[in-house]
Amino acid sequence: MDSADYWDEAEPDECECLCGGDEFAAAVGFSLRPDGEVRWVSLGLRCLTDGALGVHADWKINYGPSAHLVNRA
Protein backbone atom coordinates (compact mmCIF):
# COMPACT_ATOMS: atom_id res chain seq x y z
CA MET A 1 0.00 0.00 0.00
CA ASP A 2 1.00 3.58 -0.55
CA SER A 3 -0.25 6.73 1.15
CA ALA A 4 -1.74 7.80 -2.18
CA ASP A 5 -4.16 4.88 -1.77
CA TYR A 6 -5.59 6.61 1.32
CA TRP A 7 -5.65 10.23 0.13
CA ASP A 8 -9.43 10.22 -0.45
CA GLU A 9 -9.90 9.25 3.22
CA ALA A 10 -7.47 11.88 4.54
CA GLU A 11 -8.49 15.14 6.10
CA PRO A 12 -5.58 17.44 5.19
CA ASP A 13 -5.49 20.85 6.79
CA GLU A 14 -3.54 24.00 6.09
CA CYS A 15 -0.64 24.77 8.38
CA GLU A 16 -0.04 28.16 9.96
CA CYS A 17 2.50 29.23 12.57
CA LEU A 18 1.37 31.00 15.74
CA CYS A 19 3.03 34.15 14.33
CA GLY A 20 0.74 33.96 11.28
CA GLY A 21 3.47 32.72 8.94
CA ASP A 22 2.45 30.16 6.34
CA GLU A 23 5.75 29.35 4.62
CA PHE A 24 7.94 26.59 6.04
CA ALA A 25 11.11 24.61 5.51
CA ALA A 26 10.29 20.91 5.88
CA ALA A 27 12.28 17.91 7.04
CA VAL A 28 11.35 14.27 7.42
CA GLY A 29 12.66 12.00 10.17
CA PHE A 30 12.49 8.24 10.59
CA SER A 31 12.52 5.94 13.58
CA LEU A 32 13.88 2.56 12.54
CA ARG A 33 13.36 -0.91 13.98
CA PRO A 34 16.47 -2.95 14.84
CA ASP A 35 16.16 -4.73 11.46
CA GLY A 36 16.34 -1.41 9.56
CA GLU A 37 12.65 -1.24 8.68
CA VAL A 38 10.83 2.05 9.28
CA ARG A 39 8.75 2.22 12.46
CA TRP A 40 7.67 5.91 12.50
CA VAL A 41 7.80 8.82 10.06
CA SER A 42 7.72 12.41 11.35
CA LEU A 43 7.35 15.66 9.43
CA GLY A 44 9.04 18.66 11.00
CA LEU A 45 8.47 22.25 9.92
CA ARG A 46 10.40 25.47 10.56
CA CYS A 47 8.50 28.71 10.06
CA LEU A 48 10.36 30.97 7.64
CA THR A 49 8.93 34.06 9.35
CA ASP A 50 9.99 33.54 12.97
CA GLY A 51 12.03 30.32 12.89
CA ALA A 52 9.69 28.37 15.19
CA LEU A 53 10.14 24.59 14.97
CA GLY A 54 7.60 21.84 15.42
CA VAL A 55 6.44 18.40 14.40
CA HIS A 56 3.51 18.87 12.05
CA ALA A 57 2.61 15.21 11.57
CA ASP A 58 3.83 11.75 12.43
CA TRP A 59 2.54 8.29 11.76
CA LYS A 60 3.37 4.70 12.57
CA ILE A 61 4.30 2.32 9.77
CA ASN A 62 2.60 -1.04 10.28
CA TYR A 63 3.80 -2.87 7.21
CA GLY A 64 6.97 -4.22 5.72
CA PRO A 65 9.17 -4.05 3.95
CA SER A 66 9.33 -0.32 4.65
CA ALA A 67 13.03 0.59 4.42
CA HIS A 68 12.44 1.96 0.90
CA LEU A 69 10.62 4.94 2.48
CA VAL A 70 13.95 6.39 3.62
CA ASN A 71 15.20 6.53 0.02
CA ARG A 72 11.95 8.10 -1.20
CA ALA A 73 12.17 11.07 1.16
C-alpha atoms as a PDB file:
ATOM      1  CA  MET A   1       0.000   0.000   0.000  1.00  0.00           C
ATOM      2  CA  ASP A   2       1.001   3.582  -0.548  1.00  0.00           C
ATOM      3  CA  SER A   3      -0.250   6.734   1.149  1.00  0.00           C
ATOM      4  CA  ALA A   4      -1.744   7.802  -2.184  1.00  0.00           C
ATOM      5  CA  ASP A   5      -4.157   4.882  -1.770  1.00  0.00           C
ATOM      6  CA  TYR A   6      -5.586   6.614   1.318  1.00  0.00           C
ATOM      7  CA  TRP A   7      -5.654  10.226   0.131  1.00  0.00           C
ATOM      8  CA  ASP A   8      -9.426  10.217  -0.446  1.00  0.00           C
ATOM      9  CA  GLU A   9      -9.905   9.249   3.219  1.00  0.00           C
ATOM     10  CA  ALA A  10      -7.468  11.879   4.539  1.00  0.00           C
ATOM     11  CA  GLU A  11      -8.491  15.142   6.104  1.00  0.00           C
ATOM     12  CA  PRO A  12      -5.581  17.441   5.187  1.00  0.00           C
ATOM     13  CA  ASP A  13      -5.492  20.854   6.793  1.00  0.00           C
ATOM     14  CA  GLU A  14      -3.535  24.001   6.094  1.00  0.00           C
ATOM     15  CA  CYS A  15      -0.641  24.773   8.381  1.00  0.00           C
ATOM     16  CA  GLU A  16      -0.040  28.163   9.965  1.00  0.00           C
ATOM     17  CA  CYS A  17       2.501  29.231  12.568  1.00  0.00           C
ATOM     18  CA  LEU A  18       1.372  31.005  15.741  1.00  0.00           C
ATOM     19  CA  CYS A  19       3.032  34.148  14.332  1.00  0.00           C
ATOM     20  CA  GLY A  20       0.743  33.963  11.280  1.00  0.00           C
ATOM     21  CA  GLY A  21       3.473  32.724   8.939  1.00  0.00           C
ATOM     22  CA  ASP A  22       2.452  30.156   6.345  1.00  0.00           C
ATOM     23  CA  GLU A  23       5.752  29.347   4.621  1.00  0.00           C
ATOM     24  CA  PHE A  24       7.939  26.588   6.040  1.00  0.00           C
ATOM     25  CA  ALA A  25      11.105  24.611   5.513  1.00  0.00           C
ATOM     26  CA  ALA A  26      10.288  20.915   5.880  1.00  0.00           C
ATOM     27  CA  ALA A  27      12.283  17.908   7.039  1.00  0.00           C
ATOM     28  CA  VAL A  28      11.347  14.270   7.419  1.00  0.00           C
ATOM     29  CA  GLY A  29      12.658  12.002  10.166  1.00  0.00           C
ATOM     30  CA  PHE A  30      12.493   8.245  10.587  1.00  0.00           C
ATOM     31  CA  SER A  31      12.522   5.940  13.579  1.00  0.00           C
ATOM     32  CA  LEU A  32      13.879   2.557  12.543  1.00  0.00           C
ATOM     33  CA  ARG A  33      13.355  -0.906  13.975  1.00  0.00           C
ATOM     34  CA  PRO A  34      16.470  -2.953  14.836  1.00  0.00           C
ATOM     35  CA  ASP A  35      16.158  -4.732  11.463  1.00  0.00           C
ATOM     36  CA  GLY A  36      16.338  -1.407   9.562  1.00  0.00           C
ATOM     37  CA  GLU A  37      12.652  -1.238   8.678  1.00  0.00           C
ATOM     38  CA  VAL A  38      10.832   2.047   9.276  1.00  0.00           C
ATOM     39  CA  ARG A  39       8.746   2.223  12.456  1.00  0.00           C
ATOM     40  CA  TRP A  40       7.666   5.913  12.503  1.00  0.00           C
ATOM     41  CA  VAL A  41       7.798   8.823  10.062  1.00  0.00           C
ATOM     42  CA  SER A  42       7.716  12.405  11.346  1.00  0.00           C
ATOM     43  CA  LEU A  43       7.348  15.661   9.431  1.00  0.00           C
ATOM     44  CA  GLY A  44       9.041  18.662  11.003  1.00  0.00           C
ATOM     45  CA  LEU A  45       8.475  22.246   9.923  1.00  0.00           C
ATOM     46  CA  ARG A  46      10.403  25.473  10.555  1.00  0.00           C
ATOM     47  CA  CYS A  47       8.504  28.706  10.065  1.00  0.00           C
ATOM     48  CA  LEU A  48      10.356  30.969   7.637  1.00  0.00           C
ATOM     49  CA  THR A  49       8.934  34.058   9.346  1.00  0.00           C
ATOM     50  CA  ASP A  50       9.992  33.541  12.971  1.00  0.00           C
ATOM     51  CA  GLY A  51      12.032  30.317  12.893  1.00  0.00           C
ATOM     52  CA  ALA A  52       9.693  28.369  15.193  1.00  0.00           C
ATOM     53  CA  LEU A  53      10.144  24.588  14.970  1.00  0.00           C
ATOM     54  CA  GLY A  54       7.596  21.842  15.420  1.00  0.00           C
ATOM     55  CA  VAL A  55       6.439  18.397  14.397  1.00  0.00           C
ATOM     56  CA  HIS A  56       3.511  18.872  12.045  1.00  0.00           C
ATOM     57  CA  ALA A  57       2.608  15.215  11.567  1.00  0.00           C
ATOM     58  CA  ASP A  58       3.834  11.755  12.434  1.00  0.00           C
ATOM     59  CA  TRP A  59       2.544   8.287  11.756  1.00  0.00           C
ATOM     60  CA  LYS A  60       3.373   4.699  12.569  1.00  0.00           C
ATOM     61  CA  ILE A  61       4.300   2.320   9.767  1.00  0.00           C
ATOM     62  CA  ASN A  62       2.601  -1.043  10.278  1.00  0.00           C
ATOM     63  CA  TYR A  63       3.798  -2.872   7.205  1.00  0.00           C
ATOM     64  CA  GLY A  64       6.972  -4.224   5.719  1.00  0.00           C
ATOM     65  CA  PRO A  65       9.169  -4.046   3.948  1.00  0.00           C
ATOM     66  CA  SER A  66       9.333  -0.322   4.650  1.00  0.00           C
ATOM     67  CA  ALA A  67      13.027   0.594   4.424  1.00  0.00           C
ATOM     68  CA  HIS A  68      12.436   1.960   0.904  1.00  0.00           C
ATOM     69  CA  LEU A  69      10.621   4.937   2.479  1.00  0.00           C
ATOM     70  CA  VAL A  70      13.947   6.394   3.618  1.00  0.00           C
ATOM     71  CA  ASN A  71      15.195   6.529   0.016  1.00  0.00           C
ATOM     72  CA  ARG A  72      11.945   8.102  -1.203  1.00  0.00           C
ATOM     73  CA  ALA A  73      12.169  11.067   1.158  1.00  0.00           C
END
